[in-house]
N, C-alpha and C. Protein backbone atom coordinates (compact mmCIF):
# COMPACT_ATOMS: atom_id res chain seq x y z
N MET A 1 3.57 -26.13 13.78
CA MET A 1 3.27 -24.99 15.17
C MET A 1 4.62 -24.18 14.95
N LEU A 2 5.91 -24.63 14.89
CA LEU A 2 7.06 -23.81 15.03
C LEU A 2 7.01 -22.81 14.12
N GLU A 3 6.51 -22.98 12.83
CA GLU A 3 6.26 -21.75 11.90
C GLU A 3 5.35 -20.61 12.26
N GLU A 4 4.15 -21.32 12.98
CA GLU A 4 2.99 -20.41 13.46
C GLU A 4 3.88 -19.34 14.34
N MET A 5 4.51 -19.96 15.18
CA MET A 5 5.01 -19.35 16.27
C MET A 5 6.34 -18.03 15.68
N ARG A 6 6.90 -18.68 14.95
CA ARG A 6 7.78 -17.42 14.06
C ARG A 6 7.05 -16.46 13.56
N TYR A 7 5.91 -16.83 12.96
CA TYR A 7 5.03 -15.73 12.16
C TYR A 7 4.55 -14.92 13.28
N ARG A 8 4.18 -15.36 14.34
CA ARG A 8 3.52 -14.42 15.17
C ARG A 8 4.58 -13.45 16.06
N LEU A 9 5.64 -14.11 16.13
CA LEU A 9 6.95 -13.31 17.02
C LEU A 9 7.59 -12.31 15.95
N GLY A 10 7.29 -12.53 14.74
CA GLY A 10 7.90 -11.43 13.75
C GLY A 10 7.02 -10.14 13.53
N LYS A 11 5.54 -10.43 13.99
CA LYS A 11 4.88 -9.27 13.58
C LYS A 11 5.23 -8.11 14.28
N LYS A 12 5.06 -6.84 13.84
CA LYS A 12 5.19 -5.47 14.43
C LYS A 12 4.13 -4.65 14.02
N GLU A 13 3.95 -3.64 14.94
CA GLU A 13 2.92 -2.56 15.04
C GLU A 13 2.91 -1.84 13.75
N LYS A 14 1.85 -1.28 12.96
CA LYS A 14 1.55 -0.55 12.01
C LYS A 14 2.34 0.76 12.06
N PRO A 15 3.18 1.11 11.33
CA PRO A 15 3.87 2.52 11.47
C PRO A 15 2.88 3.52 11.39
N VAL A 16 3.38 4.69 12.25
CA VAL A 16 2.18 5.86 12.23
C VAL A 16 2.80 6.79 11.49
N LEU A 17 1.97 7.41 10.25
CA LEU A 17 2.54 8.20 9.25
C LEU A 17 2.13 9.60 9.74
N SER A 18 2.99 10.51 9.36
CA SER A 18 2.54 12.04 9.66
C SER A 18 1.75 12.31 8.65
N ASP A 19 1.02 13.68 8.92
CA ASP A 19 0.29 14.01 7.89
C ASP A 19 0.76 14.40 6.51
N ASP A 20 2.03 15.06 6.80
CA ASP A 20 2.87 15.50 5.47
C ASP A 20 3.10 14.10 4.63
N VAL A 21 3.47 12.94 5.22
CA VAL A 21 3.60 11.70 4.31
C VAL A 21 2.33 11.13 3.79
N TYR A 22 1.25 11.36 4.43
CA TYR A 22 -0.27 11.03 3.99
C TYR A 22 -0.63 12.00 2.68
N GLU A 23 0.14 13.18 2.88
CA GLU A 23 -0.43 14.12 1.65
C GLU A 23 0.63 13.72 0.45
N GLN A 24 1.65 13.37 0.88
CA GLN A 24 2.60 13.12 -0.33
C GLN A 24 2.24 11.82 -0.93
N LEU A 25 2.05 10.69 -0.22
CA LEU A 25 1.44 9.60 -0.77
C LEU A 25 0.26 9.90 -1.62
N ASN A 26 -0.73 10.76 -1.15
CA ASN A 26 -1.86 10.90 -1.97
C ASN A 26 -1.43 11.68 -3.35
N ARG A 27 -0.45 12.52 -3.08
CA ARG A 27 -0.12 13.19 -4.40
C ARG A 27 0.56 12.26 -5.19
N ASP A 28 1.45 11.55 -4.87
CA ASP A 28 2.07 10.51 -5.88
C ASP A 28 1.07 9.34 -6.42
N LEU A 29 0.18 8.80 -5.48
CA LEU A 29 -0.98 8.09 -6.04
C LEU A 29 -1.65 8.73 -7.30
N THR A 30 -2.02 9.98 -6.87
CA THR A 30 -2.84 10.23 -8.10
C THR A 30 -2.09 10.67 -9.31
N LEU A 31 -0.99 11.08 -9.16
CA LEU A 31 0.11 11.41 -10.42
C LEU A 31 0.13 10.25 -11.09
N ALA A 32 0.55 8.94 -10.35
CA ALA A 32 0.72 7.88 -10.82
C ALA A 32 -0.40 7.13 -11.80
N TRP A 33 -1.66 7.58 -11.14
CA TRP A 33 -2.73 7.04 -11.73
C TRP A 33 -2.92 7.88 -13.00
N GLN A 34 -2.92 8.97 -12.93
CA GLN A 34 -3.16 10.01 -14.19
C GLN A 34 -2.10 9.66 -15.32
N ASN A 35 -1.07 9.41 -14.82
CA ASN A 35 -0.10 9.34 -16.09
C ASN A 35 0.18 7.77 -16.49
N HIS A 36 -0.61 7.14 -15.68
CA HIS A 36 -0.57 5.43 -16.05
C HIS A 36 1.10 4.84 -15.77
N GLN A 37 1.43 5.14 -14.70
CA GLN A 37 2.92 4.78 -14.28
C GLN A 37 2.81 3.69 -13.52
N GLU A 38 3.88 2.70 -13.64
CA GLU A 38 4.09 1.60 -12.86
C GLU A 38 4.54 2.15 -11.33
N VAL A 39 3.95 1.28 -10.20
CA VAL A 39 4.47 1.82 -9.01
C VAL A 39 4.56 0.42 -8.22
N GLU A 40 5.38 0.65 -7.09
CA GLU A 40 5.67 -0.32 -6.21
C GLU A 40 5.25 0.40 -4.97
N ILE A 41 4.36 -0.48 -4.46
CA ILE A 41 3.55 -0.19 -3.18
C ILE A 41 4.09 -0.98 -1.98
N ARG A 42 4.29 -0.34 -0.81
CA ARG A 42 4.45 -0.89 0.30
C ARG A 42 3.27 -0.68 1.26
N TYR A 43 2.79 -1.72 1.63
CA TYR A 43 1.74 -1.67 2.52
C TYR A 43 1.89 -2.77 3.92
N TYR A 44 0.90 -2.43 4.61
CA TYR A 44 0.92 -3.35 6.05
C TYR A 44 -0.35 -4.27 5.88
N HIS A 45 0.09 -5.61 6.26
CA HIS A 45 -0.87 -6.39 6.48
C HIS A 45 -0.57 -7.47 7.48
N ASP A 46 -1.38 -7.75 8.34
CA ASP A 46 -1.21 -8.70 9.46
C ASP A 46 0.08 -8.62 10.22
N GLY A 47 0.46 -7.28 10.70
CA GLY A 47 1.50 -7.53 11.11
C GLY A 47 2.79 -7.52 10.53
N TYR A 48 2.86 -7.29 9.06
CA TYR A 48 4.08 -7.55 8.34
C TYR A 48 3.73 -6.25 7.24
N ALA A 49 5.15 -5.71 6.56
CA ALA A 49 5.18 -4.65 5.63
C ALA A 49 5.37 -5.91 4.65
N ARG A 50 4.58 -5.45 3.20
CA ARG A 50 4.66 -6.16 2.03
C ARG A 50 4.65 -5.32 0.95
N PHE A 51 5.18 -5.68 -0.02
CA PHE A 51 5.32 -5.12 -1.27
C PHE A 51 4.65 -5.87 -2.58
N THR A 52 4.15 -4.85 -3.45
CA THR A 52 3.38 -5.15 -4.64
C THR A 52 3.76 -4.27 -5.60
N PHE A 53 3.52 -4.69 -6.89
CA PHE A 53 3.61 -3.60 -7.97
C PHE A 53 2.56 -3.92 -9.12
N GLY A 54 2.50 -2.56 -9.92
CA GLY A 54 1.43 -2.65 -10.97
C GLY A 54 0.98 -1.37 -11.22
N THR A 55 0.23 -1.01 -12.25
CA THR A 55 -0.15 0.32 -12.72
C THR A 55 -1.53 0.39 -11.84
N ILE A 56 -1.90 1.45 -11.36
CA ILE A 56 -3.25 1.83 -10.74
C ILE A 56 -4.34 1.89 -11.74
N ARG A 57 -5.15 1.01 -11.53
CA ARG A 57 -6.45 0.87 -12.39
C ARG A 57 -7.43 1.89 -12.01
N LYS A 58 -7.60 1.93 -10.71
CA LYS A 58 -8.78 2.78 -10.01
C LYS A 58 -8.40 3.15 -8.74
N LEU A 59 -8.75 4.59 -8.34
CA LEU A 59 -8.93 4.78 -7.07
C LEU A 59 -10.29 4.96 -6.54
N ASP A 60 -10.70 4.01 -5.84
CA ASP A 60 -11.98 3.91 -5.24
C ASP A 60 -12.25 4.84 -4.04
N PHE A 61 -12.39 6.16 -4.28
CA PHE A 61 -12.55 6.96 -2.87
C PHE A 61 -13.88 6.46 -2.18
N THR A 62 -14.92 6.04 -2.66
CA THR A 62 -15.89 5.51 -1.78
C THR A 62 -15.40 4.58 -0.72
N ASN A 63 -14.83 3.53 -1.24
CA ASN A 63 -14.32 2.39 -0.28
C ASN A 63 -12.72 2.48 0.16
N ARG A 64 -12.40 3.63 -0.38
CA ARG A 64 -11.14 4.14 0.28
C ARG A 64 -10.00 3.05 -0.17
N GLU A 65 -10.15 2.54 -1.46
CA GLU A 65 -9.10 1.54 -1.94
C GLU A 65 -8.50 1.94 -3.16
N VAL A 66 -7.20 1.29 -3.36
CA VAL A 66 -6.51 1.44 -4.47
C VAL A 66 -6.41 0.24 -5.26
N ILE A 67 -6.88 -0.05 -6.63
CA ILE A 67 -6.99 -1.22 -7.52
C ILE A 67 -5.96 -0.99 -8.31
N LEU A 68 -5.18 -2.18 -8.23
CA LEU A 68 -4.19 -2.10 -9.29
C LEU A 68 -4.46 -3.00 -10.53
N SER A 69 -3.51 -3.05 -11.60
CA SER A 69 -3.81 -3.66 -12.83
C SER A 69 -3.74 -5.24 -12.66
N THR A 70 -3.37 -5.63 -11.51
CA THR A 70 -3.45 -6.93 -11.34
C THR A 70 -4.65 -7.37 -10.54
N TYR A 71 -5.65 -6.43 -10.46
CA TYR A 71 -7.01 -6.61 -9.82
C TYR A 71 -6.71 -6.74 -8.10
N GLU A 72 -5.47 -6.37 -7.65
CA GLU A 72 -5.19 -6.52 -6.20
C GLU A 72 -5.67 -5.45 -5.54
N ARG A 73 -6.48 -5.26 -4.56
CA ARG A 73 -7.48 -4.10 -3.83
C ARG A 73 -6.45 -3.93 -2.58
N LEU A 74 -6.04 -2.87 -2.35
CA LEU A 74 -5.44 -2.38 -1.16
C LEU A 74 -6.29 -1.33 -0.53
N LYS A 75 -6.22 -1.52 0.71
CA LYS A 75 -7.18 -0.44 1.51
C LYS A 75 -5.92 0.88 1.55
N ALA A 76 -6.85 1.90 1.14
CA ALA A 76 -5.65 3.22 1.55
C ALA A 76 -5.18 3.49 2.75
N GLU A 77 -5.57 3.23 3.86
CA GLU A 77 -4.88 3.32 5.14
C GLU A 77 -3.95 2.49 5.60
N ASP A 78 -3.73 1.29 4.33
CA ASP A 78 -2.72 0.11 4.72
C ASP A 78 -1.54 0.71 4.04
N ILE A 79 -1.59 1.60 3.04
CA ILE A 79 -0.37 2.09 2.25
C ILE A 79 0.58 2.67 3.22
N ILE A 80 1.78 2.19 3.12
CA ILE A 80 2.94 3.08 4.02
C ILE A 80 4.00 3.43 3.20
N GLY A 81 4.01 3.36 1.97
CA GLY A 81 5.10 3.70 1.06
C GLY A 81 4.73 3.63 -0.36
N LEU A 82 5.25 4.41 -1.50
CA LEU A 82 4.94 4.09 -2.87
C LEU A 82 6.22 4.71 -3.46
N ASN A 83 6.80 4.02 -4.50
CA ASN A 83 7.73 4.09 -5.48
C ASN A 83 7.22 4.16 -6.80
N VAL A 84 7.50 5.27 -7.50
CA VAL A 84 6.82 5.21 -8.91
C VAL A 84 8.13 4.64 -9.78
N LEU A 85 8.03 3.56 -10.38
CA LEU A 85 8.95 3.06 -11.45
C LEU A 85 9.26 3.63 -12.54
């Protein structure tokens, strides 16, 4: 019960990104996908910013998802940062 309360109290709102940041994320995602580069992606999930890494296997424009080499699926609107490794 205490763990659940700590979890709920630590939640934060999703950061609001500007249009410029979205454009830069889009360019970086596309370049990393085309060049088969490994990336570290920061994304928002359930009140927390989380990190994952891998190479981009597929950019699914229909479902607006990024699929990594680990077969992890991230919604494009949840991505808040990207570093090319």
